[in-house]
Amino acid sequence: QVQLVESGGGSVQAGGSLRLSCAASGYTYSRYCMGWFRQAPGKEREGVAVIDIDGRARYADSVKGRFTISQDNAKNTLYLHIDTLKPEDTGMYYCAARPGDCQTGSLMPWLYGDWGQGTQVTVSS
């Protein structure tokens, strides 16, 4: 059973930075696509960044240049580094995983069956 545990969220001021972590365990996919998704209050969950086992990443247009997804395969940990935080980045950030590569469309949340519990990011102006 896949387990994903996020950490690293918090309350920060606009312009600050955060690094979110997702510790993964229990999956046996030979190839996978893992990523970060966020959900603001009253809004639908959206994909922000995904990465596959080969390190190929995809980003939502709204976060390009500020968000960086990375992974440490030895530690089975996924990261999301967020620079220049904005109030509109506020939301619950979730880690998710699915087998296969991160093909076009991989930012769609409904493609993913394994989810963490989320970590809250709050950005004040």
Protein backbone atom coordinates (compact mmCIF):
# COMPACT_ATOMS: atom_id res chain seq x y z
CA GLN A 1 0.00 0.00 0.00
CA VAL A 2 1.38 3.36 -1.03
CA GLN A 3 1.85 5.89 1.74
CA LEU A 4 2.62 9.53 1.10
CA VAL A 5 3.34 11.91 3.96
CA GLU A 6 3.74 15.62 3.32
CA SER A 7 5.52 18.13 5.52
CA GLY A 8 7.03 21.58 5.37
CA GLY A 9 4.00 23.80 5.09
CA GLY A 10 3.47 26.84 7.24
CA SER A 11 2.53 30.48 7.43
CA VAL A 12 4.84 32.83 5.58
CA GLN A 13 4.84 36.36 4.29
CA ALA A 14 4.61 37.15 0.62
CA GLY A 15 7.99 37.04 -1.04
CA GLY A 16 9.25 34.26 1.18
CA SER A 17 10.18 30.68 0.31
CA LEU A 18 9.19 27.23 1.44
CA ARG A 19 10.30 23.69 0.74
CA LEU A 20 7.65 21.01 0.96
CA SER A 21 8.59 17.35 1.37
CA CYS A 22 6.72 14.16 0.61
CA ALA A 23 8.01 10.91 2.06
CA ALA A 24 6.87 7.95 -0.01
CA SER A 25 6.75 4.31 0.94
CA GLY A 26 5.10 1.07 -0.07
CA TYR A 27 4.99 1.52 -3.84
CA THR A 28 6.51 -0.91 -6.28
CA TYR A 29 5.94 0.91 -9.58
CA SER A 30 8.75 0.29 -12.03
CA ARG A 31 7.93 3.67 -13.50
CA TYR A 32 5.96 6.41 -11.81
CA CYS A 33 4.75 9.94 -12.03
CA MET A 34 4.61 11.86 -8.77
CA GLY A 35 3.57 15.38 -8.19
CA TRP A 36 2.24 18.23 -6.14
CA PHE A 37 -1.28 19.49 -6.23
CA ARG A 38 -2.94 22.29 -4.33
CA GLN A 39 -6.42 23.25 -3.32
CA ALA A 40 -7.40 26.73 -2.25
CA PRO A 41 -10.54 27.29 -0.18
CA GLY A 42 -13.60 27.07 -2.38
CA LYS A 43 -11.62 26.02 -5.43
CA GLU A 44 -10.92 22.78 -7.20
CA ARG A 45 -7.72 20.88 -6.69
CA GLU A 46 -5.12 21.75 -9.33
CA GLY A 47 -1.82 20.27 -10.37
CA VAL A 48 1.25 22.46 -9.94
CA ALA A 49 4.21 20.19 -10.76
CA VAL A 50 4.92 16.56 -11.56
CA ILE A 51 8.07 14.54 -12.10
CA ASP A 52 8.80 11.02 -13.28
CA ILE A 53 11.50 8.51 -12.38
CA ASP A 54 13.80 9.94 -15.04
CA GLY A 55 13.51 13.41 -13.58
CA ARG A 56 11.40 14.90 -16.33
CA ALA A 57 9.19 17.58 -14.84
CA ARG A 58 6.10 19.43 -15.91
CA TYR A 59 4.74 22.60 -14.35
CA ALA A 60 1.52 24.51 -14.41
CA ASP A 61 1.95 27.78 -16.31
CA SER A 62 0.95 29.73 -13.22
CA VAL A 63 3.94 28.50 -11.22
CA LYS A 64 6.72 28.27 -13.81
CA GLY A 65 9.81 30.11 -12.64
CA ARG A 66 8.83 30.04 -8.97
CA PHE A 67 8.19 26.36 -8.22
CA THR A 68 10.81 23.64 -8.53
CA ILE A 69 9.99 19.97 -8.13
CA SER A 70 12.76 17.52 -7.32
CA GLN A 71 13.25 14.07 -5.86
CA ASP A 72 15.76 12.13 -3.84
CA ASN A 73 15.35 8.54 -4.95
CA ALA A 74 17.66 7.25 -2.22
CA LYS A 75 15.38 8.80 0.41
CA ASN A 76 12.13 8.11 -1.46
CA THR A 77 11.28 11.75 -0.99
CA LEU A 78 9.70 14.27 -3.29
CA TYR A 79 10.24 18.00 -2.83
CA LEU A 80 8.63 21.21 -3.94
CA HIS A 81 10.63 24.38 -3.53
CA ILE A 82 8.52 27.51 -3.76
CA ASP A 83 10.11 30.91 -4.24
CA THR A 84 8.58 34.37 -4.13
CA LEU A 85 5.42 33.17 -2.44
CA LYS A 86 2.22 35.04 -3.24
CA PRO A 87 -1.07 35.18 -1.31
CA GLU A 88 -2.70 33.25 -4.15
CA ASP A 89 -0.38 30.33 -3.38
CA THR A 90 -2.34 29.78 -0.17
CA GLY A 91 -3.93 26.36 0.05
CA MET A 92 -3.52 22.75 1.03
CA TYR A 93 -0.69 21.11 -0.86
CA TYR A 94 -0.95 17.42 -1.61
CA CYS A 95 1.50 14.85 -2.87
CA ALA A 96 0.21 12.21 -5.27
CA ALA A 97 1.57 9.30 -7.26
CA ARG A 98 0.56 6.96 -10.07
CA PRO A 99 2.32 4.38 -12.22
CA GLY A 100 3.69 5.37 -15.61
CA ASP A 101 5.44 8.43 -17.00
CA CYS A 102 4.43 12.05 -16.69
CA GLN A 103 2.93 12.47 -20.10
CA THR A 104 0.99 15.43 -21.39
CA GLY A 105 -1.97 15.96 -19.13
CA SER A 106 -0.26 14.57 -16.05
CA LEU A 107 -1.22 17.64 -14.03
CA MET A 108 -4.82 16.46 -13.90
CA PRO A 109 -5.64 15.34 -10.35
CA TRP A 110 -8.11 12.65 -11.38
CA LEU A 111 -5.30 10.59 -12.91
CA TYR A 112 -3.86 9.88 -9.47
CA GLY A 113 -4.97 7.20 -7.07
CA ASP A 114 -2.45 7.61 -4.27
CA TRP A 115 -2.63 10.74 -2.16
CA GLY A 116 -1.14 12.13 1.01
CA GLN A 117 -3.05 14.01 3.68
CA GLY A 118 -1.69 17.40 2.66
CA THR A 119 0.26 20.21 4.24
CA GLN A 120 -1.15 23.72 4.62
CA VAL A 121 0.57 26.73 3.09
CA THR A 122 -0.68 30.17 4.11
CA VAL A 123 0.82 33.29 2.55
CA SER A 124 0.06 36.69 4.02
CA SER A 125 0.51 39.95 2.19
